[in-house]
Amino acid sequence: MSDANLPEAIQNILDTNSEPDAIFAALLPALGEVLQCDRTFLYLRNPHTKLGRVPYCWRRTQEISEVLDPDWKPEPESLPEEDPLFAAALRTDPSVYVEDVETASPEVVNREFEQSHFGHRALIHSHLVWEGQLWGILQPCVFGNQRVWSEFDHTVISQVEAKIAPLAAAYVKKKGRRQESEGRR
């Protein structure tokens, strides 16, 4: 894989789909396989209303807990204080690669928060930033073992972020308008 090319499975998804729904639904399983992860989910949020949802989650096996919440919900005001990874995402810091939740610095990871809400051992907290705002978080993760994220993993995530951040913004804007119009009925 050169710096300019994504793995074929991922590039094909981006080349053959134009709607964010179709891209995200196909991308998560492909990304999970390419990165050899146990679960990958996508949190999408509106940076203006601070409403978010998790409409997509892929799991390697049914034994792995599903992180799926299709309803738009307000982000807890305390979340940035409870979760340093979320605080980093809100600041639009670079994505965070956690090799081991058990041994990571508390400035980077709140171990208890991660264990109680997600249960993973290693993760990528991939920040989908578009036009200076956080529109989503893509989170590939591994259970049971630590994981040293390779240069390949970093390159794939970096390229995927660049491709899907504007799609995340488009998805949120479109779904947000639909939610607003349904709420007025």
Protein backbone atom coordinates (compact mmCIF):
# COMPACT_ATOMS: atom_id res chain seq x y z
CA MET A 1 0.00 0.00 0.00
CA SER A 2 1.51 3.33 -1.00
CA ASP A 3 0.78 6.56 0.83
CA ALA A 4 -1.71 7.52 -1.86
CA ASN A 5 -3.63 4.23 -1.92
CA LEU A 6 -6.04 2.72 0.53
CA PRO A 7 -6.39 -1.06 0.72
CA GLU A 8 -8.46 -2.25 -2.24
CA ALA A 9 -11.43 -3.37 -0.12
CA ILE A 10 -11.80 0.11 1.37
CA GLN A 11 -11.10 2.01 -1.84
CA ASN A 12 -13.74 -0.04 -3.67
CA ILE A 13 -16.36 0.97 -1.10
CA LEU A 14 -15.50 4.63 -1.54
CA ASP A 15 -15.44 4.32 -5.35
CA THR A 16 -18.72 2.43 -5.74
CA ASN A 17 -20.93 4.28 -3.22
CA SER A 18 -21.90 7.92 -2.99
CA GLU A 19 -24.32 8.04 -0.06
CA PRO A 20 -22.83 8.25 3.44
CA ASP A 21 -25.26 5.56 4.71
CA ALA A 22 -24.05 3.04 2.14
CA ILE A 23 -20.40 3.95 2.63
CA PHE A 24 -20.51 3.69 6.42
CA ALA A 25 -22.47 0.42 6.41
CA ALA A 26 -19.93 -1.20 4.05
CA LEU A 27 -16.83 0.52 5.45
CA LEU A 28 -16.98 -0.68 9.05
CA PRO A 29 -16.75 -4.42 8.30
CA ALA A 30 -14.04 -3.81 5.68
CA LEU A 31 -12.07 -1.63 8.07
CA GLY A 32 -12.42 -4.21 10.84
CA GLU A 33 -11.02 -6.90 8.56
CA VAL A 34 -8.22 -4.74 7.14
CA LEU A 35 -7.10 -3.61 10.60
CA GLN A 36 -7.78 -7.05 12.14
CA CYS A 37 -9.95 -5.57 14.89
CA ASP A 38 -12.72 -7.09 16.98
CA ARG A 39 -15.19 -4.21 16.74
CA THR A 40 -15.52 -0.97 14.85
CA PHE A 41 -18.21 1.59 15.50
CA LEU A 42 -19.01 5.07 14.29
CA TYR A 43 -20.32 7.83 16.54
CA LEU A 44 -21.78 10.76 14.62
CA ARG A 45 -22.56 14.11 16.21
CA ASN A 46 -23.79 17.58 15.46
CA PRO A 47 -21.21 20.03 16.82
CA HIS A 48 -23.83 22.80 16.98
CA THR A 49 -26.57 20.95 18.90
CA LYS A 50 -24.27 18.45 20.69
CA LEU A 51 -26.62 15.62 19.74
CA GLY A 52 -25.02 12.32 18.80
CA ARG A 53 -25.79 8.74 17.87
CA VAL A 54 -24.06 5.47 17.00
CA PRO A 55 -25.83 4.22 13.86
CA TYR A 56 -23.13 1.76 12.75
CA CYS A 57 -21.32 -1.01 14.60
CA TRP A 58 -19.49 -4.05 13.23
CA ARG A 59 -18.40 -6.92 15.48
CA ARG A 60 -16.22 -9.87 14.55
CA THR A 61 -18.36 -12.20 16.70
CA GLN A 62 -21.64 -12.00 18.59
CA GLU A 63 -19.72 -12.44 21.86
CA ILE A 64 -18.32 -8.92 21.49
CA SER A 65 -20.61 -6.27 22.92
CA GLU A 66 -22.46 -4.12 20.44
CA VAL A 67 -22.20 -0.35 20.66
CA LEU A 68 -25.25 0.81 18.75
CA ASP A 69 -27.63 3.64 19.52
CA PRO A 70 -29.67 4.82 16.54
CA ASP A 71 -31.43 7.65 18.44
CA TRP A 72 -30.04 11.18 18.59
CA LYS A 73 -29.23 11.98 22.22
CA PRO A 74 -27.64 14.94 23.98
CA GLU A 75 -24.01 14.46 24.88
CA PRO A 76 -23.66 14.52 28.67
CA GLU A 77 -22.16 17.83 29.76
CA SER A 78 -19.75 15.94 32.01
CA LEU A 79 -18.43 13.75 29.19
CA PRO A 80 -15.29 15.80 28.42
CA GLU A 81 -14.31 15.67 32.11
CA GLU A 82 -15.04 11.93 32.39
CA ASP A 83 -13.45 10.88 29.11
CA PRO A 84 -10.08 12.40 28.13
CA LEU A 85 -10.37 10.78 24.69
CA PHE A 86 -13.65 12.61 24.02
CA ALA A 87 -12.12 15.84 25.32
CA ALA A 88 -9.23 15.40 22.85
CA ALA A 89 -11.71 14.82 20.04
CA LEU A 90 -13.66 17.98 20.94
CA ARG A 91 -10.40 19.94 20.83
CA THR A 92 -9.88 18.39 17.36
CA ASP A 93 -6.54 17.00 18.52
CA PRO A 94 -5.00 14.31 16.31
CA SER A 95 -6.55 10.86 16.62
CA VAL A 96 -5.37 8.80 19.59
CA TYR A 97 -3.93 5.28 19.31
CA VAL A 98 -4.23 3.46 22.64
CA GLU A 99 -2.12 0.31 22.78
CA ASP A 100 -3.34 -0.78 26.21
CA VAL A 101 -6.21 0.75 28.18
CA GLU A 102 -4.80 -0.95 31.30
CA THR A 103 -1.45 0.89 31.20
CA ALA A 104 -2.23 4.11 29.32
CA SER A 105 -1.71 7.41 31.08
CA PRO A 106 -4.81 8.69 32.93
CA GLU A 107 -4.35 11.97 31.04
CA VAL A 108 -5.06 10.00 27.85
CA VAL A 109 -7.51 7.32 29.01
CA ASN A 110 -9.94 6.98 31.89
CA ARG A 111 -9.52 3.23 32.39
CA GLU A 112 -12.67 2.78 34.47
CA PHE A 113 -14.76 4.73 31.95
CA GLU A 114 -13.45 2.68 29.02
CA GLN A 115 -13.96 -0.61 30.84
CA SER A 116 -17.50 0.16 31.99
CA HIS A 117 -18.74 1.64 28.70
CA PHE A 118 -16.76 -0.20 26.03
CA GLY A 119 -14.83 -3.16 27.45
CA HIS A 120 -12.01 -3.01 24.90
CA ARG A 121 -8.31 -3.33 25.66
CA ALA A 122 -6.80 -1.36 22.76
CA LEU A 123 -8.41 1.19 20.47
CA ILE A 124 -8.06 3.89 17.90
CA HIS A 125 -10.04 7.03 18.76
CA SER A 126 -10.25 8.44 15.24
CA HIS A 127 -11.49 12.04 15.11
CA LEU A 128 -13.61 12.96 12.10
CA VAL A 129 -12.96 16.68 11.85
CA TRP A 130 -14.38 18.75 9.01
CA GLU A 131 -13.98 22.51 8.68
CA GLY A 132 -12.52 22.75 12.18
CA GLN A 133 -15.36 20.90 13.94
CA LEU A 134 -15.79 17.37 15.29
CA TRP A 135 -18.53 15.51 13.36
CA GLY A 136 -17.78 11.98 14.47
CA ILE A 137 -15.53 9.42 16.06
CA LEU A 138 -14.55 6.19 14.33
CA GLN A 139 -13.42 3.60 16.84
CA PRO A 140 -11.73 0.35 15.81
CA CYS A 141 -10.78 -1.71 18.86
CA VAL A 142 -9.42 -4.99 20.14
CA PHE A 143 -10.55 -7.02 23.16
CA GLY A 144 -8.51 -9.15 25.53
CA ASN A 145 -5.01 -8.12 24.44
CA GLN A 146 -2.96 -5.01 24.03
CA ARG A 147 -2.22 -3.96 20.46
CA VAL A 148 0.68 -2.05 19.02
CA TRP A 149 -0.84 -0.05 16.18
CA SER A 150 1.43 -0.31 13.15
CA GLU A 151 2.45 2.31 10.62
CA PHE A 152 0.02 0.56 8.25
CA ASP A 153 -2.82 1.05 10.78
CA HIS A 154 -1.93 4.75 11.19
CA THR A 155 -1.80 5.26 7.43
CA VAL A 156 -5.15 3.55 6.82
CA ILE A 157 -6.89 5.52 9.57
CA SER A 158 -5.39 8.81 8.43
CA GLN A 159 -6.56 8.23 4.87
CA VAL A 160 -10.00 7.01 5.93
CA GLU A 161 -10.44 10.07 8.17
CA ALA A 162 -9.70 12.38 5.26
CA LYS A 163 -12.22 10.56 3.05
CA ILE A 164 -15.10 10.18 5.49
CA ALA A 165 -14.96 13.35 7.64
CA PRO A 166 -16.89 15.36 5.02
CA LEU A 167 -19.31 12.42 4.65
CA ALA A 168 -19.90 12.44 8.42
CA ALA A 169 -20.74 16.15 8.26
CA ALA A 170 -23.08 15.59 5.30
CA TYR A 171 -24.78 12.67 7.07
CA VAL A 172 -25.34 14.68 10.26
CA LYS A 173 -26.64 17.72 8.38
CA LYS A 174 -29.07 15.60 6.34
CA LYS A 175 -30.28 13.43 9.24
CA GLY A 176 -30.46 16.46 11.54
CA ARG A 177 -32.80 18.29 9.15
CA ARG A 178 -34.98 15.19 8.93
CA GLN A 179 -35.08 14.89 12.73
CA GLU A 180 -35.99 18.58 13.10
CA SER A 181 -38.82 18.34 10.57
CA GLU A 182 -40.18 15.16 12.21
CA GLY A 183 -40.05 16.88 15.62
CA ARG A 184 -42.22 19.75 14.36
CA ARG A 185 -45.07 17.51 13.27
